[in-house]
Amino acid sequence: MATVVLPDNFSALTNGERELSTKAQTYRELVAELILRWPQLEDLLDKTAVAIDGQIYQEAFLEEIGADSEVFFMARIEGG
């Protein structure tokens, strides 16, 4: 199963849980799983970037997640 690491600022909404395993095969499935488990994360997830196996995505809905993938959520990088 893929490993998912949530950022510190999610901790208050996830009862301190920062790491979990998932069978999700796409980023879209993962987001749906997280919102089902913690509905209050929906707004934060819309404002985060994600790294899947070291590749950072600002928009990752079509990205696949492998069985051994590592997925990290992080603040989006904004340019100006």
N, C-alpha and C. Protein backbone atom coordinates (compact mmCIF):
# COMPACT_ATOMS: atom_id res chain seq x y z
N MET A 1 0.83 -1.19 0.00
CA MET A 1 0.00 0.00 0.00
C MET A 1 0.87 1.25 0.00
N ALA A 2 0.36 2.29 -0.60
CA ALA A 2 1.08 3.56 -0.66
C ALA A 2 1.08 4.22 0.72
N THR A 3 2.15 4.95 1.01
CA THR A 3 2.27 5.70 2.25
C THR A 3 1.93 7.15 1.98
N VAL A 4 1.09 7.73 2.84
CA VAL A 4 0.68 9.12 2.70
C VAL A 4 1.12 9.88 3.95
N VAL A 5 1.80 11.01 3.75
CA VAL A 5 2.26 11.84 4.86
C VAL A 5 1.56 13.18 4.77
N LEU A 6 0.89 13.54 5.85
CA LEU A 6 0.15 14.80 5.92
C LEU A 6 1.00 15.86 6.61
N PRO A 7 0.85 17.14 6.25
CA PRO A 7 1.64 18.19 6.88
C PRO A 7 1.17 18.48 8.31
N ASP A 8 2.03 19.14 9.07
CA ASP A 8 1.73 19.47 10.47
C ASP A 8 0.42 20.23 10.62
N ASN A 9 0.13 21.15 9.69
CA ASN A 9 -1.07 21.97 9.85
C ASN A 9 -2.37 21.18 9.67
N PHE A 10 -2.31 19.93 9.24
CA PHE A 10 -3.50 19.09 9.16
C PHE A 10 -3.78 18.39 10.49
N SER A 11 -2.79 18.35 11.38
CA SER A 11 -2.87 17.55 12.60
C SER A 11 -4.08 17.86 13.47
N ALA A 12 -4.42 19.12 13.58
CA ALA A 12 -5.56 19.51 14.42
C ALA A 12 -6.87 18.92 13.87
N LEU A 13 -6.93 18.70 12.57
CA LEU A 13 -8.15 18.20 11.95
C LEU A 13 -8.16 16.68 11.80
N THR A 14 -7.01 16.05 12.02
CA THR A 14 -6.90 14.60 11.87
C THR A 14 -6.60 13.90 13.19
N ASN A 15 -6.87 14.61 14.30
CA ASN A 15 -6.59 14.08 15.64
C ASN A 15 -5.14 13.66 15.79
N GLY A 16 -4.25 14.43 15.18
CA GLY A 16 -2.82 14.17 15.30
C GLY A 16 -2.26 13.13 14.34
N GLU A 17 -3.10 12.50 13.56
CA GLU A 17 -2.61 11.49 12.61
C GLU A 17 -1.89 12.17 11.47
N ARG A 18 -0.66 11.76 11.21
CA ARG A 18 0.16 12.39 10.17
C ARG A 18 0.55 11.44 9.05
N GLU A 19 0.40 10.14 9.27
CA GLU A 19 0.82 9.18 8.26
C GLU A 19 -0.22 8.06 8.18
N LEU A 20 -0.51 7.63 6.96
CA LEU A 20 -1.45 6.54 6.78
C LEU A 20 -1.09 5.76 5.52
N SER A 21 -1.70 4.62 5.38
CA SER A 21 -1.53 3.80 4.18
C SER A 21 -2.82 3.83 3.40
N THR A 22 -2.71 3.70 2.08
CA THR A 22 -3.90 3.75 1.22
C THR A 22 -3.78 2.76 0.07
N LYS A 23 -4.94 2.33 -0.40
CA LYS A 23 -5.01 1.50 -1.60
C LYS A 23 -5.42 2.33 -2.80
N ALA A 24 -5.60 3.64 -2.61
CA ALA A 24 -5.99 4.52 -3.72
C ALA A 24 -5.00 4.37 -4.86
N GLN A 25 -5.52 4.35 -6.09
CA GLN A 25 -4.67 4.18 -7.26
C GLN A 25 -4.45 5.48 -8.02
N THR A 26 -5.23 6.51 -7.66
CA THR A 26 -5.05 7.83 -8.27
C THR A 26 -5.15 8.88 -7.18
N TYR A 27 -4.64 10.06 -7.49
CA TYR A 27 -4.71 11.16 -6.54
C TYR A 27 -6.17 11.51 -6.25
N ARG A 28 -7.01 11.46 -7.26
CA ARG A 28 -8.44 11.76 -7.08
C ARG A 28 -9.06 10.80 -6.06
N GLU A 29 -8.74 9.51 -6.16
CA GLU A 29 -9.25 8.52 -5.20
C GLU A 29 -8.72 8.81 -3.80
N LEU A 30 -7.46 9.21 -3.70
CA LEU A 30 -6.87 9.52 -2.41
C LEU A 30 -7.58 10.70 -1.76
N VAL A 31 -7.81 11.76 -2.51
CA VAL A 31 -8.49 12.94 -1.97
C VAL A 31 -9.89 12.55 -1.49
N ALA A 32 -10.60 11.76 -2.27
CA ALA A 32 -11.94 11.32 -1.87
C ALA A 32 -11.88 10.52 -0.57
N GLU A 33 -10.88 9.66 -0.44
CA GLU A 33 -10.71 8.86 0.77
C GLU A 33 -10.44 9.77 1.98
N LEU A 34 -9.56 10.75 1.81
CA LEU A 34 -9.24 11.65 2.91
C LEU A 34 -10.43 12.49 3.33
N ILE A 35 -11.21 12.97 2.36
CA ILE A 35 -12.40 13.78 2.67
C ILE A 35 -13.47 12.93 3.35
N LEU A 36 -13.60 11.68 2.94
CA LEU A 36 -14.55 10.79 3.59
C LEU A 36 -14.17 10.58 5.06
N ARG A 37 -12.87 10.42 5.29
CA ARG A 37 -12.38 10.17 6.64
C ARG A 37 -12.38 11.44 7.49
N TRP A 38 -11.97 12.56 6.89
CA TRP A 38 -11.90 13.84 7.59
C TRP A 38 -12.51 14.92 6.70
N PRO A 39 -13.83 15.08 6.70
CA PRO A 39 -14.49 16.05 5.81
C PRO A 39 -13.94 17.47 5.94
N GLN A 40 -13.48 17.83 7.11
CA GLN A 40 -12.97 19.18 7.35
C GLN A 40 -11.67 19.47 6.60
N LEU A 41 -11.05 18.47 6.01
CA LEU A 41 -9.81 18.67 5.23
C LEU A 41 -10.06 19.20 3.82
N GLU A 42 -11.29 19.16 3.36
CA GLU A 42 -11.57 19.48 1.96
C GLU A 42 -11.00 20.83 1.54
N ASP A 43 -11.22 21.88 2.33
CA ASP A 43 -10.69 23.20 1.97
C ASP A 43 -9.17 23.23 1.95
N LEU A 44 -8.54 22.57 2.92
CA LEU A 44 -7.07 22.54 2.96
C LEU A 44 -6.49 21.77 1.77
N LEU A 45 -7.13 20.67 1.40
CA LEU A 45 -6.63 19.87 0.28
C LEU A 45 -6.66 20.66 -1.02
N ASP A 46 -7.65 21.55 -1.15
CA ASP A 46 -7.73 22.39 -2.34
C ASP A 46 -6.58 23.38 -2.43
N LYS A 47 -5.92 23.64 -1.31
CA LYS A 47 -4.87 24.65 -1.25
C LYS A 47 -3.48 24.04 -1.09
N THR A 48 -3.34 22.75 -1.31
CA THR A 48 -2.05 22.11 -1.13
C THR A 48 -1.51 21.55 -2.45
N ALA A 49 -0.21 21.43 -2.47
CA ALA A 49 0.46 20.71 -3.55
C ALA A 49 0.72 19.30 -3.02
N VAL A 50 1.14 18.43 -3.89
CA VAL A 50 1.41 17.06 -3.48
C VAL A 50 2.66 16.57 -4.22
N ALA A 51 3.44 15.78 -3.52
CA ALA A 51 4.59 15.11 -4.14
C ALA A 51 4.28 13.62 -4.16
N ILE A 52 4.33 13.05 -5.35
CA ILE A 52 4.13 11.62 -5.51
C ILE A 52 5.43 11.04 -6.01
N ASP A 53 6.06 10.23 -5.18
CA ASP A 53 7.35 9.63 -5.50
C ASP A 53 8.38 10.70 -5.90
N GLY A 54 8.37 11.81 -5.19
CA GLY A 54 9.37 12.85 -5.39
C GLY A 54 9.03 13.90 -6.43
N GLN A 55 8.00 13.70 -7.22
CA GLN A 55 7.58 14.66 -8.24
C GLN A 55 6.49 15.55 -7.65
N ILE A 56 6.71 16.87 -7.63
CA ILE A 56 5.75 17.81 -7.05
C ILE A 56 4.73 18.24 -8.09
N TYR A 57 3.46 18.23 -7.69
CA TYR A 57 2.36 18.62 -8.55
C TYR A 57 1.53 19.70 -7.86
N GLN A 58 1.17 20.74 -8.60
CA GLN A 58 0.24 21.73 -8.09
C GLN A 58 -1.20 21.24 -8.30
N GLU A 59 -1.42 20.55 -9.39
CA GLU A 59 -2.71 19.94 -9.73
C GLU A 59 -2.42 18.49 -10.11
N ALA A 60 -2.89 17.55 -9.33
CA ALA A 60 -2.49 16.16 -9.53
C ALA A 60 -3.65 15.21 -9.76
N PHE A 61 -4.85 15.71 -10.04
CA PHE A 61 -6.02 14.84 -10.08
C PHE A 61 -5.91 13.65 -11.01
N LEU A 62 -5.15 13.74 -12.07
CA LEU A 62 -5.04 12.63 -13.00
C LEU A 62 -3.84 11.73 -12.73
N GLU A 63 -3.05 12.08 -11.72
CA GLU A 63 -1.83 11.31 -11.45
C GLU A 63 -2.14 9.98 -10.77
N GLU A 64 -1.37 8.97 -11.16
CA GLU A 64 -1.53 7.64 -10.58
C GLU A 64 -0.66 7.48 -9.35
N ILE A 65 -1.11 6.62 -8.45
CA ILE A 65 -0.38 6.30 -7.23
C ILE A 65 -0.11 4.80 -7.26
N GLY A 66 1.16 4.45 -7.18
CA GLY A 66 1.53 3.04 -7.19
C GLY A 66 1.39 2.41 -5.82
N ALA A 67 1.41 1.10 -5.78
CA ALA A 67 1.26 0.37 -4.52
C ALA A 67 2.37 0.70 -3.53
N ASP A 68 3.56 1.06 -4.02
CA ASP A 68 4.69 1.38 -3.15
C ASP A 68 5.02 2.87 -3.15
N SER A 69 4.09 3.70 -3.62
CA SER A 69 4.35 5.14 -3.72
C SER A 69 4.41 5.80 -2.35
N GLU A 70 5.10 6.94 -2.33
CA GLU A 70 5.12 7.82 -1.17
C GLU A 70 4.48 9.13 -1.60
N VAL A 71 3.47 9.56 -0.85
CA VAL A 71 2.71 10.75 -1.19
C VAL A 71 2.83 11.74 -0.03
N PHE A 72 3.30 12.95 -0.34
CA PHE A 72 3.48 13.99 0.67
C PHE A 72 2.66 15.21 0.27
N PHE A 73 1.86 15.71 1.21
CA PHE A 73 1.12 16.95 0.98
C PHE A 73 1.94 18.11 1.53
N MET A 74 1.87 19.28 0.87
CA MET A 74 2.65 20.45 1.29
C MET A 74 1.97 21.72 0.80
N ALA A 75 2.38 22.84 1.34
CA ALA A 75 1.85 24.13 0.90
C ALA A 75 2.22 24.37 -0.55
N ARG A 76 1.31 24.98 -1.30
CA ARG A 76 1.60 25.31 -2.69
C ARG A 76 2.64 26.41 -2.77
N ILE A 77 3.46 26.32 -3.78
CA ILE A 77 4.46 27.35 -4.03
C ILE A 77 3.81 28.39 -4.92
N GLU A 78 3.85 29.63 -4.47
CA GLU A 78 3.23 30.70 -5.24
C GLU A 78 4.30 31.62 -5.79
N GLY A 79 4.14 31.98 -7.03
CA GLY A 79 5.09 32.90 -7.65
C GLY A 79 4.45 34.25 -7.87
N GLY A 80 5.25 35.19 -8.21
CA GLY A 80 4.66 36.51 -8.41
C GLY A 80 5.59 37.43 -9.11
